PDB file of N, CA and C in Angstrom:
ATOM      1  N   MET A   1     121.321 290.075 121.741  1.00  0.00           N
ATOM      2  CA  MET A   1     120.120 289.379 121.289  1.00  0.00           C
ATOM      3  C   MET A   1     119.962 289.520 119.782  1.00  0.00           C
ATOM      4  N   LYS A   2     120.283 290.695 119.270  1.00  0.00           N
ATOM      5  CA  LYS A   2     120.164 290.939 117.832  1.00  0.00           C
ATOM      6  C   LYS A   2     121.125 290.032 117.063  1.00  0.00           C
ATOM      7  N   ASN A   3     122.359 289.903 117.562  1.00  0.00           N
ATOM      8  CA  ASN A   3     123.347 289.040 116.905  1.00  0.00           C
ATOM      9  C   ASN A   3     122.901 287.578 116.943  1.00  0.00           C
ATOM     10  N   PHE A   4     122.347 287.169 118.074  1.00  0.00           N
ATOM     11  CA  PHE A   4     121.863 285.801 118.205  1.00  0.00           C
ATOM     12  C   PHE A   4     120.787 285.509 117.163  1.00  0.00           C
ATOM     13  N   THR A   5     119.873 286.423 116.966  1.00  0.00           N
ATOM     14  CA  THR A   5     118.800 286.267 115.997  1.00  0.00           C
ATOM     15  C   THR A   5     119.369 286.161 114.579  1.00  0.00           C
ATOM     16  N   ILE A   6     120.329 286.997 114.289  1.00  0.00           N
ATOM     17  CA  ILE A   6     120.960 286.967 112.953  1.00  0.00           C
ATOM     18  C   ILE A   6     121.638 285.614 112.731  1.00  0.00           C
ATOM     19  N   TYR A   7     122.404 285.164 113.723  1.00  0.00           N
ATOM     20  CA  TYR A   7     123.087 283.876 113.588  1.00  0.00           C
ATOM     21  C   TYR A   7     122.082 282.723 113.463  1.00  0.00           C
ATOM     22  N   LEU A   8     121.011 282.815 114.215  1.00  0.00           N
ATOM     23  CA  LEU A   8     119.987 281.788 114.156  1.00  0.00           C
ATOM     24  C   LEU A   8     119.335 281.738 112.775  1.00  0.00           C
ATOM     25  N   VAL A   9     119.032 282.897 112.229  1.00  0.00           N
ATOM     26  CA  VAL A   9     118.436 282.962 110.888  1.00  0.00           C
ATOM     27  C   VAL A   9     119.393 282.389 109.847  1.00  0.00           C
ATOM     28  N   ILE A  10     120.662 282.734 109.942  1.00  0.00           N
ATOM     29  CA  ILE A  10     121.665 282.226 108.997  1.00  0.00           C
ATOM     30  C   ILE A  10     121.785 280.706 109.122  1.00  0.00           C
ATOM     31  N   LEU A  11     121.813 280.222 110.348  1.00  0.00           N
ATOM     32  CA  LEU A  11     121.919 278.791 110.575  1.00  0.00           C
ATOM     33  C   LEU A  11     120.716 278.045 109.998  1.00  0.00           C
ATOM     34  N   VAL A  12     119.529 278.556 110.227  1.00  0.00           N
ATOM     35  CA  VAL A  12     118.315 277.944 109.694  1.00  0.00           C
ATOM     36  C   VAL A  12     118.335 277.963 108.166  1.00  0.00           C
ATOM     37  N   PHE A  13     118.754 279.072 107.592  1.00  0.00           N
ATOM     38  CA  PHE A  13     118.834 279.192 106.130  1.00  0.00           C
ATOM     39  C   PHE A  13     119.795 278.152 105.550  1.00  0.00           C
ATOM     40  N   LEU A  14     120.972 278.009 106.161  1.00  0.00           N
ATOM     41  CA  LEU A  14     121.952 277.039 105.670  1.00  0.00           C
ATOM     42  C   LEU A  14     121.419 275.613 105.775  1.00  0.00           C
ATOM     43  N   PHE A  15     120.759 275.322 106.882  1.00  0.00           N
ATOM     44  CA  PHE A  15     120.191 273.989 107.076  1.00  0.00           C
ATOM     45  C   PHE A  15     119.126 273.688 106.024  1.00  0.00           C
ATOM     46  N   VAL A  16     118.232 274.626 105.812  1.00  0.00           N
ATOM     47  CA  VAL A  16     117.150 274.449 104.834  1.00  0.00           C
ATOM     48  C   VAL A  16     117.720 274.282 103.429  1.00  0.00           C
ATOM     49  N   SER A  17     118.706 275.086 103.068  1.00  0.00           N
ATOM     50  CA  SER A  17     119.281 274.982 101.719  1.00  0.00           C
ATOM     51  C   SER A  17     119.971 273.638 101.524  1.00  0.00           C
ATOM     52  N   LYS A  18     120.624 273.136 102.569  1.00  0.00           N
ATOM     53  CA  LYS A  18     121.276 271.834 102.466  1.00  0.00           C
ATOM     54  C   LYS A  18     120.234 270.723 102.313  1.00  0.00           C
ATOM     55  N   VAL A  19     119.177 270.778 103.082  1.00  0.00           N
ATOM     56  CA  VAL A  19     118.122 269.767 103.003  1.00  0.00           C
ATOM     57  C   VAL A  19     117.457 269.801 101.636  1.00  0.00           C
ATOM     58  N   LEU A  20     117.148 270.982 101.136  1.00  0.00           N
ATOM     59  CA  LEU A  20     116.504 271.099  99.830  1.00  0.00           C
ATOM     60  C   LEU A  20     117.426 270.612  98.721  1.00  0.00           C
ATOM     61  N   GLY A  21     118.703 270.913  98.829  1.00  0.00           N
ATOM     62  CA  GLY A  21     119.668 270.442  97.841  1.00  0.00           C
ATOM     63  C   GLY A  21     119.748 268.934  97.811  1.00  0.00           C
ATOM     64  N   GLN A  22     119.714 268.303  98.977  1.00  0.00           N
ATOM     65  CA  GLN A  22     119.748 266.849  99.063  1.00  0.00           C
ATOM     66  C   GLN A  22     118.471 266.252  98.480  1.00  0.00           C
ATOM     67  N   GLU A  23     117.333 266.847  98.791  1.00  0.00           N
ATOM     68  CA  GLU A  23     116.069 266.353  98.250  1.00  0.00           C
ATOM     69  C   GLU A  23     116.056 266.450  96.729  1.00  0.00           C
ATOM     70  N   THR A  24     116.604 267.524  96.198  1.00  0.00           N
ATOM     71  CA  THR A  24     116.649 267.693  94.756  1.00  0.00           C
ATOM     72  C   THR A  24     117.478 266.584  94.117  1.00  0.00           C
ATOM     73  N   PHE A  25     118.643 266.303  94.688  1.00  0.00           N
ATOM     74  CA  PHE A  25     119.511 265.251  94.159  1.00  0.00           C
ATOM     75  C   PHE A  25     118.801 263.906  94.235  1.00  0.00           C
ATOM     76  N   GLU A  26     118.222 263.610  95.392  1.00  0.00           N
ATOM     77  CA  GLU A  26     117.541 262.333  95.566  1.00  0.00           C
ATOM     78  C   GLU A  26     116.325 262.212  94.647  1.00  0.00           C
ATOM     79  N   SER A  27     115.577 263.292  94.500  1.00  0.00           N
ATOM     80  CA  SER A  27     114.405 263.229  93.628  1.00  0.00           C
ATOM     81  C   SER A  27     114.812 263.068  92.168  1.00  0.00           C
ATOM     82  N   GLU A  28     115.902 263.683  91.782  1.00  0.00           N
ATOM     83  CA  GLU A  28     116.388 263.528  90.404  1.00  0.00           C
ATOM     84  C   GLU A  28     116.862 262.097  90.152  1.00  0.00           C
ATOM     85  N   THR A  29     117.597 261.529  91.107  1.00  0.00           N
ATOM     86  CA  THR A  29     118.054 260.147  90.913  1.00  0.00           C
ATOM     87  C   THR A  29     116.864 259.192  90.877  1.00  0.00           C
ATOM     88  N   LYS A  30     115.868 259.459  91.696  1.00  0.00           N
ATOM     89  CA  LYS A  30     114.657 258.629  91.703  1.00  0.00           C
ATOM     90  C   LYS A  30     113.916 258.763  90.375  1.00  0.00           C
ATOM     91  N   ARG A  31     113.860 259.982  89.846  1.00  0.00           N
ATOM     92  CA  ARG A  31     113.186 260.224  88.573  1.00  0.00           C
ATOM     93  C   ARG A  31     113.878 259.445  87.451  1.00  0.00           C
ATOM     94  N   ILE A  32     115.196 259.463  87.449  1.00  0.00           N
ATOM     95  CA  ILE A  32     115.948 258.764  86.409  1.00  0.00           C
ATOM     96  C   ILE A  32     115.770 257.247  86.557  1.00  0.00           C
ATOM     97  N   ALA A  33     115.791 256.757  87.788  1.00  0.00           N
ATOM     98  CA  ALA A  33     115.575 255.321  88.015  1.00  0.00           C
ATOM     99  C   ALA A  33     114.184 254.906  87.524  1.00  0.00           C
ATOM    100  N   ASN A  34     113.199 255.735  87.796  1.00  0.00           N
ATOM    101  CA  ASN A  34     111.840 255.454  87.313  1.00  0.00           C
ATOM    102  C   ASN A  34     111.781 255.479  85.792  1.00  0.00           C
ATOM    103  N   LYS A  35     112.540 256.382  85.210  1.00  0.00           N
ATOM    104  CA  LYS A  35     112.603 256.486  83.751  1.00  0.00           C
ATOM    105  C   LYS A  35     113.166 255.190  83.156  1.00  0.00           C
ATOM    106  N   ILE A  36     114.205 254.654  83.775  1.00  0.00           N
ATOM    107  CA  ILE A  36     114.815 253.410  83.300  1.00  0.00           C
ATOM    108  C   ILE A  36     113.827 252.251  83.433  1.00  0.00           C
ATOM    109  N   GLU A  37     113.126 252.190  84.557  1.00  0.00           N
ATOM    110  CA  GLU A  37     112.118 251.150  84.745  1.00  0.00           C
ATOM    111  C   GLU A  37     111.015 251.266  83.691  1.00  0.00           C
ATOM    112  N   LYS A  38     110.600 252.490  83.405  1.00  0.00           N
ATOM    113  CA  LYS A  38     109.540 252.719  82.421  1.00  0.00           C
ATOM    114  C   LYS A  38     109.992 252.280  81.029  1.00  0.00           C
ATOM    115  N   ILE A  39     111.223 252.612  80.676  1.00  0.00           N
ATOM    116  CA  ILE A  39     111.773 252.203  79.371  1.00  0.00           C
ATOM    117  C   ILE A  39     111.741 250.680  79.253  1.00  0.00           C
ATOM    118  N   THR A  40     112.221 250.015  80.281  1.00  0.00           N
ATOM    119  CA  THR A  40     112.267 248.551  80.271  1.00  0.00           C
ATOM    120  C   THR A  40     110.863 247.968  80.123  1.00  0.00           C
ATOM    121  N   LYS A  41     109.942 248.491  80.901  1.00  0.00           N
ATOM    122  CA  LYS A  41     108.571 247.987  80.859  1.00  0.00           C
ATOM    123  C   LYS A  41     107.942 248.218  79.481  1.00  0.00           C
ATOM    124  N   GLU A  42     108.111 249.415  78.923  1.00  0.00           N
ATOM    125  CA  GLU A  42     107.522 249.739  77.623  1.00  0.00           C
ATOM    126  C   GLU A  42     108.105 248.883  76.504  1.00  0.00           C
ATOM    127  N   GLU A  43     109.417 248.695  76.531  1.00  0.00           N
ATOM    128  CA  GLU A  43     110.051 247.902  75.471  1.00  0.00           C
ATOM    129  C   GLU A  43     109.659 246.430  75.570  1.00  0.00           C
ATOM    130  N   LYS A  44     109.560 245.913  76.788  1.00  0.00           N
ATOM    131  CA  LYS A  44     109.117 244.521  76.950  1.00  0.00           C
ATOM    132  C   LYS A  44     107.682 244.358  76.474  1.00  0.00           C
ATOM    133  N   GLU A  45     106.842 245.336  76.783  1.00  0.00           N
ATOM    134  CA  GLU A  45     105.444 245.275  76.349  1.00  0.00           C
ATOM    135  C   GLU A  45     105.352 245.356  74.822  1.00  0.00           C
ATOM    136  N   ALA A  46     106.159 246.223  74.223  1.00  0.00           N
ATOM    137  CA  ALA A  46     106.156 246.335  72.761  1.00  0.00           C
ATOM    138  C   ALA A  46     106.611 245.014  72.123  1.00  0.00           C
ATOM    139  N   LEU A  47     107.640 244.398  72.696  1.00  0.00           N
ATOM    140  CA  LEU A  47     108.111 243.112  72.187  1.00  0.00           C
ATOM    141  C   LEU A  47     107.028 242.052  72.330  1.00  0.00           C
ATOM    142  N   LYS A  48     106.364 242.054  73.451  1.00  0.00           N
ATOM    143  CA  LYS A  48     105.292 241.076  73.684  1.00  0.00           C
ATOM    144  C   LYS A  48     104.206 241.204  72.612  1.00  0.00           C
ATOM    145  N   GLU A  49     103.825 242.437  72.294  1.00  0.00           N
ATOM    146  CA  GLU A  49     102.803 242.669  71.265  1.00  0.00           C
ATOM    147  C   GLU A  49     103.280 242.210  69.894  1.00  0.00           C
ATOM    148  N   GLU A  50     104.543 242.491  69.591  1.00  0.00           N
ATOM    149  CA  GLU A  50     105.087 242.069  68.293  1.00  0.00           C
ATOM    150  C   GLU A  50     105.153 240.549  68.192  1.00  0.00           C
ATOM    151  N   VAL A  51     105.539 239.890  69.273  1.00  0.00           N
ATOM    152  CA  VAL A  51     105.609 238.432  69.280  1.00  0.00           C
ATOM    153  C   VAL A  51     104.210 237.837  69.144  1.00  0.00           C
ATOM    154  N   GLU A  52     103.244 238.449  69.793  1.00  0.00           N
ATOM    155  CA  GLU A  52     101.862 237.982  69.665  1.00  0.00           C
ATOM    156  C   GLU A  52     101.390 238.087  68.213  1.00  0.00           C
ATOM    157  N   ALA A  53     101.786 239.163  67.535  1.00  0.00           N
ATOM    158  CA  ALA A  53     101.412 239.323  66.129  1.00  0.00           C
ATOM    159  C   ALA A  53     102.047 238.219  65.276  1.00  0.00           C
ATOM    160  N   VAL A  54     103.287 237.871  65.586  1.00  0.00           N
ATOM    161  CA  VAL A  54     103.955 236.779  64.867  1.00  0.00           C
ATOM    162  C   VAL A  54     103.229 235.464  65.148  1.00  0.00           C
ATOM    163  N   ASN A  55     102.830 235.256  66.397  1.00  0.00           N
ATOM    164  CA  ASN A  55     102.102 234.029  66.748  1.00  0.00           C
ATOM    165  C   ASN A  55     100.770 233.933  65.999  1.00  0.00           C
ATOM    166  N   VAL A  56     100.109 235.063  65.811  1.00  0.00           N
ATOM    167  CA  VAL A  56      98.853 235.076  65.048  1.00  0.00           C
ATOM    168  C   VAL A  56      99.128 234.667  63.605  1.00  0.00           C
ATOM    169  N   GLN A  57     100.185 235.232  63.018  1.00  0.00           N
ATOM    170  CA  GLN A  57     100.541 234.868  61.646  1.00  0.00           C
ATOM    171  C   GLN A  57     100.844 233.374  61.551  1.00  0.00           C
ATOM    172  N   LEU A  58     101.527 232.855  62.557  1.00  0.00           N
ATOM    173  CA  LEU A  58     101.862 231.428  62.582  1.00  0.00           C
ATOM    174  C   LEU A  58     100.590 230.578  62.687  1.00  0.00           C
ATOM    175  N   SER A  59      99.702 230.958  63.585  1.00  0.00           N
ATOM    176  CA  SER A  59      98.476 230.163  63.770  1.00  0.00           C
ATOM    177  C   SER A  59      97.555 230.234  62.557  1.00  0.00           C
ATOM    178  N   GLU A  60      97.648 231.332  61.800  1.00  0.00           N
ATOM    179  CA  GLU A  60      96.835 231.467  60.587  1.00  0.00           C
ATOM    180  C   GLU A  60      97.482 230.784  59.391  1.00  0.00           C
ATOM    181  N   GLY A  61      98.682 230.259  59.584  1.00  0.00           N
ATOM    182  CA  GLY A  61      99.372 229.553  58.511  1.00  0.00           C
ATOM    183  C   GLY A  61     100.056 230.468  57.508  1.00  0.00           C
ATOM    184  N   LYS A  62     100.192 231.740  57.846  1.00  0.00           N
ATOM    185  CA  LYS A  62     100.835 232.684  56.932  1.00  0.00           C
ATOM    186  C   LYS A  62     102.347 232.542  56.926  1.00  0.00           C
ATOM    187  N   ILE A  63     102.898 232.019  58.028  1.00  0.00           N
ATOM    188  CA  ILE A  63     104.343 231.791  58.119  1.00  0.00           C
ATOM    189  C   ILE A  63     104.578 230.428  58.765  1.00  0.00           C
ATOM    190  N   THR A  64     105.778 229.899  58.552  1.00  0.00           N
ATOM    191  CA  THR A  64     106.141 228.604  59.143  1.00  0.00           C
ATOM    192  C   THR A  64     106.696 228.814  60.555  1.00  0.00           C
ATOM    193  N   GLN A  65     106.852 227.706  61.266  1.00  0.00           N
ATOM    194  CA  GLN A  65     107.425 227.775  62.628  1.00  0.00           C
ATOM    195  C   GLN A  65     108.842 228.344  62.566  1.00  0.00           C
ATOM    196  N   GLU A  66     109.590 227.908  61.558  1.00  0.00           N
ATOM    197  CA  GLU A  66     110.964 228.389  61.400  1.00  0.00           C
ATOM    198  C   GLU A  66     110.984 229.900  61.155  1.00  0.00           C
ATOM    199  N   GLN A  67     110.100 230.372  60.303  1.00  0.00           N
ATOM    200  CA  GLN A  67     110.017 231.813  60.031  1.00  0.00           C
ATOM    201  C   GLN A  67     109.592 232.577  61.295  1.00  0.00           C
ATOM    202  N   ALA A  68     108.667 231.998  62.043  1.00  0.00           N
ATOM    203  CA  ALA A  68     108.193 232.646  63.270  1.00  0.00           C
ATOM    204  C   ALA A  68     109.328 232.755  64.287  1.00  0.00           C
ATOM    205  N   ASP A  69     110.072 231.653  64.439  1.00  0.00           N
ATOM    206  CA  ASP A  69     111.188 231.668  65.388  1.00  0.00           C
ATOM    207  C   ASP A  69     112.242 232.698  64.984  1.00  0.00           C
ATOM    208  N   LYS A  70     112.539 232.733  63.691  1.00  0.00           N
ATOM    209  CA  LYS A  70     113.526 233.687  63.191  1.00  0.00           C
ATOM    210  C   LYS A  70     113.040 235.124  63.423  1.00  0.00           C
ATOM    211  N   ARG A  71     111.781 235.359  63.113  1.00  0.00           N
ATOM    212  CA  ARG A  71     111.207 236.715  63.277  1.00  0.00           C
ATOM    213  C   ARG A  71     111.192 237.134  64.748  1.00  0.00           C
ATOM    214  N   LYS A  72     110.833 236.215  65.635  1.00  0.00           N
ATOM    215  CA  LYS A  72     110.822 236.521  67.068  1.00  0.00           C
ATOM    216  C   LYS A  72     112.224 236.875  67.559  1.00  0.00           C
ATOM    217  N   LYS A  73     113.205 236.138  67.083  1.00  0.00           N
ATOM    218  CA  LYS A  73     114.592 236.407  67.470  1.00  0.00           C
ATOM    219  C   LYS A  73     115.018 237.793  66.980  1.00  0.00           C
ATOM    220  N   GLU A  74     114.678 238.108  65.746  1.00  0.00           N
ATOM    221  CA  GLU A  74     115.012 239.426  65.186  1.00  0.00           C
ATOM    222  C   GLU A  74     114.343 240.552  65.976  1.00  0.00           C
ATOM    223  N   LEU A  75     113.075 240.340  66.321  1.00  0.00           N
ATOM    224  CA  LEU A  75     112.338 241.346  67.089  1.00  0.00           C
ATOM    225  C   LEU A  75     112.966 241.548  68.467  1.00  0.00           C
ATOM    226  N   ALA A  76     113.331 240.447  69.121  1.00  0.00           N
ATOM    227  CA  ALA A  76     113.941 240.524  70.447  1.00  0.00           C
ATOM    228  C   ALA A  76     115.274 241.271  70.388  1.00  0.00           C
ATOM    229  N   GLU A  77     116.066 240.967  69.370  1.00  0.00           N
ATOM    230  CA  GLU A  77     117.362 241.640  69.230  1.00  0.00           C
ATOM    231  C   GLU A  77     117.174 243.129  68.955  1.00  0.00           C
ATOM    232  N   ALA A  78     116.220 243.459  68.108  1.00  0.00           N
ATOM    233  CA  ALA A  78     115.962 244.867  67.793  1.00  0.00           C
ATOM    234  C   ALA A  78     115.486 245.628  69.028  1.00  0.00           C
ATOM    235  N   ARG A  79     114.579 245.024  69.775  1.00  0.00           N
ATOM    236  CA  ARG A  79     114.068 245.664  70.997  1.00  0.00           C
ATOM    237  C   ARG A  79     115.185 245.807  72.030  1.00  0.00           C
ATOM    238  N   ALA A  80     116.076 244.837  72.104  1.00  0.00           N
ATOM    239  CA  ALA A  80     117.198 244.916  73.043  1.00  0.00           C
ATOM    240  C   ALA A  80     118.102 246.098  72.708  1.00  0.00           C
ATOM    241  N   VAL A  81     118.346 246.307  71.423  1.00  0.00           N
ATOM    242  CA  VAL A  81     119.179 247.437  70.992  1.00  0.00           C
ATOM    243  C   VAL A  81     118.500 248.762  71.336  1.00  0.00           C
ATOM    244  N   ILE A  82     117.218 248.850  71.042  1.00  0.00           N
ATOM    245  CA  ILE A  82     116.467 250.076  71.344  1.00  0.00           C
ATOM    246  C   ILE A  82     116.482 250.345  72.845  1.00  0.00           C
ATOM    247  N   MET A  83     116.237 249.303  73.634  1.00  0.00           N
ATOM    248  CA  MET A  83     116.217 249.444  75.083  1.00  0.00           C
ATOM    249  C   MET A  83     117.588 249.880  75.591  1.00  0.00           C
ATOM    250  N   GLU A  84     118.622 249.273  75.079  1.00  0.00           N
ATOM    251  CA  GLU A  84     119.982 249.611  75.502  1.00  0.00           C
ATOM    252  C   GLU A  84     120.308 251.069  75.190  1.00  0.00           C
ATOM    253  N   GLU A  85     119.911 251.538  74.009  1.00  0.00           N
ATOM    254  CA  GLU A  85     120.177 252.925  73.632  1.00  0.00           C
ATOM    255  C   GLU A  85     119.450 253.901  74.561  1.00  0.00           C
ATOM    256  N   LYS A  86     118.186 253.617  74.827  1.00  0.00           N
ATOM    257  CA  LYS A  86     117.397 254.502  75.697  1.00  0.00           C
ATOM    258  C   LYS A  86     117.929 254.492  77.127  1.00  0.00           C
ATOM    259  N   ILE A  87     118.270 253.311  77.619  1.00  0.00           N
ATOM    260  CA  ILE A  87     118.780 253.207  78.985  1.00  0.00           C
ATOM    261  C   ILE A  87     120.147 253.867  79.095  1.00  0.00           C
ATOM    262  N   THR A  88     120.953 253.751  78.061  1.00  0.00           N
ATOM    263  CA  THR A  88     122.263 254.412  78.068  1.00  0.00           C
ATOM    264  C   THR A  88     122.101 255.919  78.199  1.00  0.00           C
ATOM    265  N   LEU A  89     121.128 256.492  77.503  1.00  0.00           N
ATOM    266  CA  LEU A  89     120.882 257.928  77.628  1.00  0.00           C
ATOM    267  C   LEU A  89     120.492 258.292  79.064  1.00  0.00           C
ATOM    268  N   ALA A  90     119.642 257.489  79.669  1.00  0.00           N
ATOM    269  CA  ALA A  90     119.225 257.741  81.048  1.00  0.00           C
ATOM    270  C   ALA A  90     120.403 257.562  82.006  1.00  0.00           C
ATOM    271  N   GLN A  91     121.229 256.562  81.771  1.00  0.00           N
ATOM    272  CA  GLN A  91     122.399 256.347  82.617  1.00  0.00           C
ATOM    273  C   GLN A  91     123.392 257.502  82.484  1.00  0.00           C
ATOM    274  N   ASN A  92     123.532 258.023  81.270  1.00  0.00           N
ATOM    275  CA  ASN A  92     124.398 259.188  81.083  1.00  0.00           C
ATOM    276  C   ASN A  92     123.870 260.388  81.861  1.00  0.00           C
ATOM    277  N   GLU A  93     122.560 260.536  81.862  1.00  0.00           N
ATOM    278  CA  GLU A  93     121.930 261.611  82.629  1.00  0.00           C
ATOM    279  C   GLU A  93     122.226 261.427  84.123  1.00  0.00           C
ATOM    280  N   LEU A  94     122.141 260.192  84.591  1.00  0.00           N
ATOM    281  CA  LEU A  94     122.442 259.893  85.995  1.00  0.00           C
ATOM    282  C   LEU A  94     123.918 260.138  86.290  1.00  0.00           C
ATOM    283  N   ASN A  95     124.791 259.718  85.398  1.00  0.00           N
ATOM    284  CA  ASN A  95     126.224 259.948  85.580  1.00  0.00           C
ATOM    285  C   ASN A  95     126.541 261.437  85.658  1.00  0.00           C
ATOM    286  N   ASP A  96     125.900 262.223  84.800  1.00  0.00           N
ATOM    287  CA  ASP A  96     126.100 263.672  84.829  1.00  0.00           C
ATOM    288  C   ASP A  96     125.648 264.267  86.152  1.00  0.00           C
ATOM    289  N   LEU A  97     124.521 263.787  86.649  1.00  0.00           N
ATOM    290  CA  LEU A  97     123.993 264.269  87.923  1.00  0.00           C
ATOM    291  C   LEU A  97     124.947 263.931  89.071  1.00  0.00           C
ATOM    292  N   VAL A  98     125.445 262.708  89.090  1.00  0.00           N
ATOM    293  CA  VAL A  98     126.381 262.284  90.134  1.00  0.00           C
ATOM    294  C   VAL A  98     127.684 263.072  90.022  1.00  0.00           C
ATOM    295  N   GLN A  99     128.158 263.284  88.806  1.00  0.00           N
ATOM    296  CA  GLN A  99     129.390 264.051  88.607  1.00  0.00           C
ATOM    297  C   GLN A  99     129.214 265.486  89.115  1.00  0.00           C
ATOM    298  N   LYS A 100     128.070 266.071  88.820  1.00  0.00           N
ATOM    299  CA  LYS A 100     127.788 267.430  89.272  1.00  0.00           C
ATOM    300  C   LYS A 100     127.773 267.483  90.796  1.00  0.00           C
ATOM    301  N   LYS A 101     127.118 266.513  91.416  1.00  0.00           N
ATOM    302  CA  LYS A 101     127.048 266.462  92.880  1.00  0.00           C
ATOM    303  C   LYS A 101     128.434 266.278  93.471  1.00  0.00           C
ATOM    304  N   SER A 102     129.223 265.421  92.859  1.00  0.00           N
ATOM    305  CA  SER A 102     130.587 265.177  93.326  1.00  0.00           C
ATOM    306  C   SER A 102     131.442 266.434  93.218  1.00  0.00           C
ATOM    307  N   THR A 103     131.302 267.142  92.113  1.00  0.00           N
ATOM    308  CA  THR A 103     132.050 268.383  91.911  1.00  0.00           C
ATOM    309  C   THR A 103     131.645 269.425  92.943  1.00  0.00           C
ATOM    310  N   GLU A 104     130.354 269.515  93.213  1.00  0.00           N
ATOM    311  CA  GLU A 104     129.877 270.462  94.226  1.00  0.00           C
ATOM    312  C   GLU A 104     130.454 270.134  95.592  1.00  0.00           C
ATOM    313  N   LYS A 105     130.477 268.844  95.946  1.00  0.00           N
ATOM    314  CA  LYS A 105     131.024 268.436  97.242  1.00  0.00           C
ATOM    315  C   LYS A 105     132.523 268.725  97.308  1.00  0.00           C
ATOM    316  N   SER A 106     133.225 268.463  96.220  1.00  0.00           N
ATOM    317  CA  SER A 106     134.670 268.727  96.190  1.00  0.00           C
ATOM    318  C   SER A 106     134.955 270.206  96.376  1.00  0.00           C
ATOM    319  N   LYS A 107     134.185 271.044  95.685  1.00  0.00           N
ATOM    320  CA  LYS A 107     134.371 272.487  95.822  1.00  0.00           C
ATOM    321  C   LYS A 107     134.072 272.947  97.240  1.00  0.00           C
ATOM    322  N   LYS A 108     133.044 272.370  97.837  1.00  0.00           N
ATOM    323  CA  LYS A 108     132.682 272.725  99.207  1.00  0.00           C
ATOM    324  C   LYS A 108     133.794 272.348 100.163  1.00  0.00           C
ATOM    325  N   ILE A 109     134.328 271.150 100.010  1.00  0.00           N
ATOM    326  CA  ILE A 109     135.424 270.707 100.881  1.00  0.00           C
ATOM    327  C   ILE A 109     136.643 271.592 100.689  1.00  0.00           C
ATOM    328  N   LEU A 110     136.923 271.947  99.450  1.00  0.00           N
ATOM    329  CA  LEU A 110     138.071 272.811  99.157  1.00  0.00           C
ATOM    330  C   LEU A 110     137.899 274.170  99.811  1.00  0.00           C
ATOM    331  N   ARG A 111     136.681 274.723  99.716  1.00  0.00           N
ATOM    332  CA  ARG A 111     136.413 276.024 100.351  1.00  0.00           C
ATOM    333  C   ARG A 111     136.572 275.947 101.862  1.00  0.00           C
ATOM    334  N   GLU A 112     136.155 274.835 102.458  1.00  0.00           N
ATOM    335  CA  GLU A 112     136.260 274.681 103.907  1.00  0.00           C
ATOM    336  C   GLU A 112     137.719 274.565 104.332  1.00  0.00           C
ATOM    337  N   CYS A 113     138.558 273.996 103.476  1.00  0.00           N
ATOM    338  CA  CYS A 113     139.969 273.844 103.814  1.00  0.00           C
ATOM    339  C   CYS A 113     140.755 275.128 103.668  1.00  0.00           C
ATOM    340  N   ILE A 114     140.273 276.009 102.845  1.00  0.00           N
ATOM    341  CA  ILE A 114     141.002 277.270 102.585  1.00  0.00           C
ATOM    342  C   ILE A 114     140.724 278.283 103.615  1.00  0.00           C
TER     343      ILE A 114
END
């Protein structure tokens, strides 16, 4: 009976650690995905505000339509670069997380084979 209890405790511990490890991986990937969505939303909102400011200048006659179009294009390109840089950092974070998980699984499989 004592051995059964010990084995049961070990089995429960292993199960719980595996479940918690999976939740951690999933929660981290979800966090990074949310981060990417937030970056996209913030950069689009910032671009929208900048374009609105250009439209105000245009409606007030401070700039021409051609200048407004050129400025909007420049703003869009700049925001795209900023967004790409931020998203690349988040994607690298995700890649590192996946690589770490893959390495852990490989080591586990190797240990089981030995």
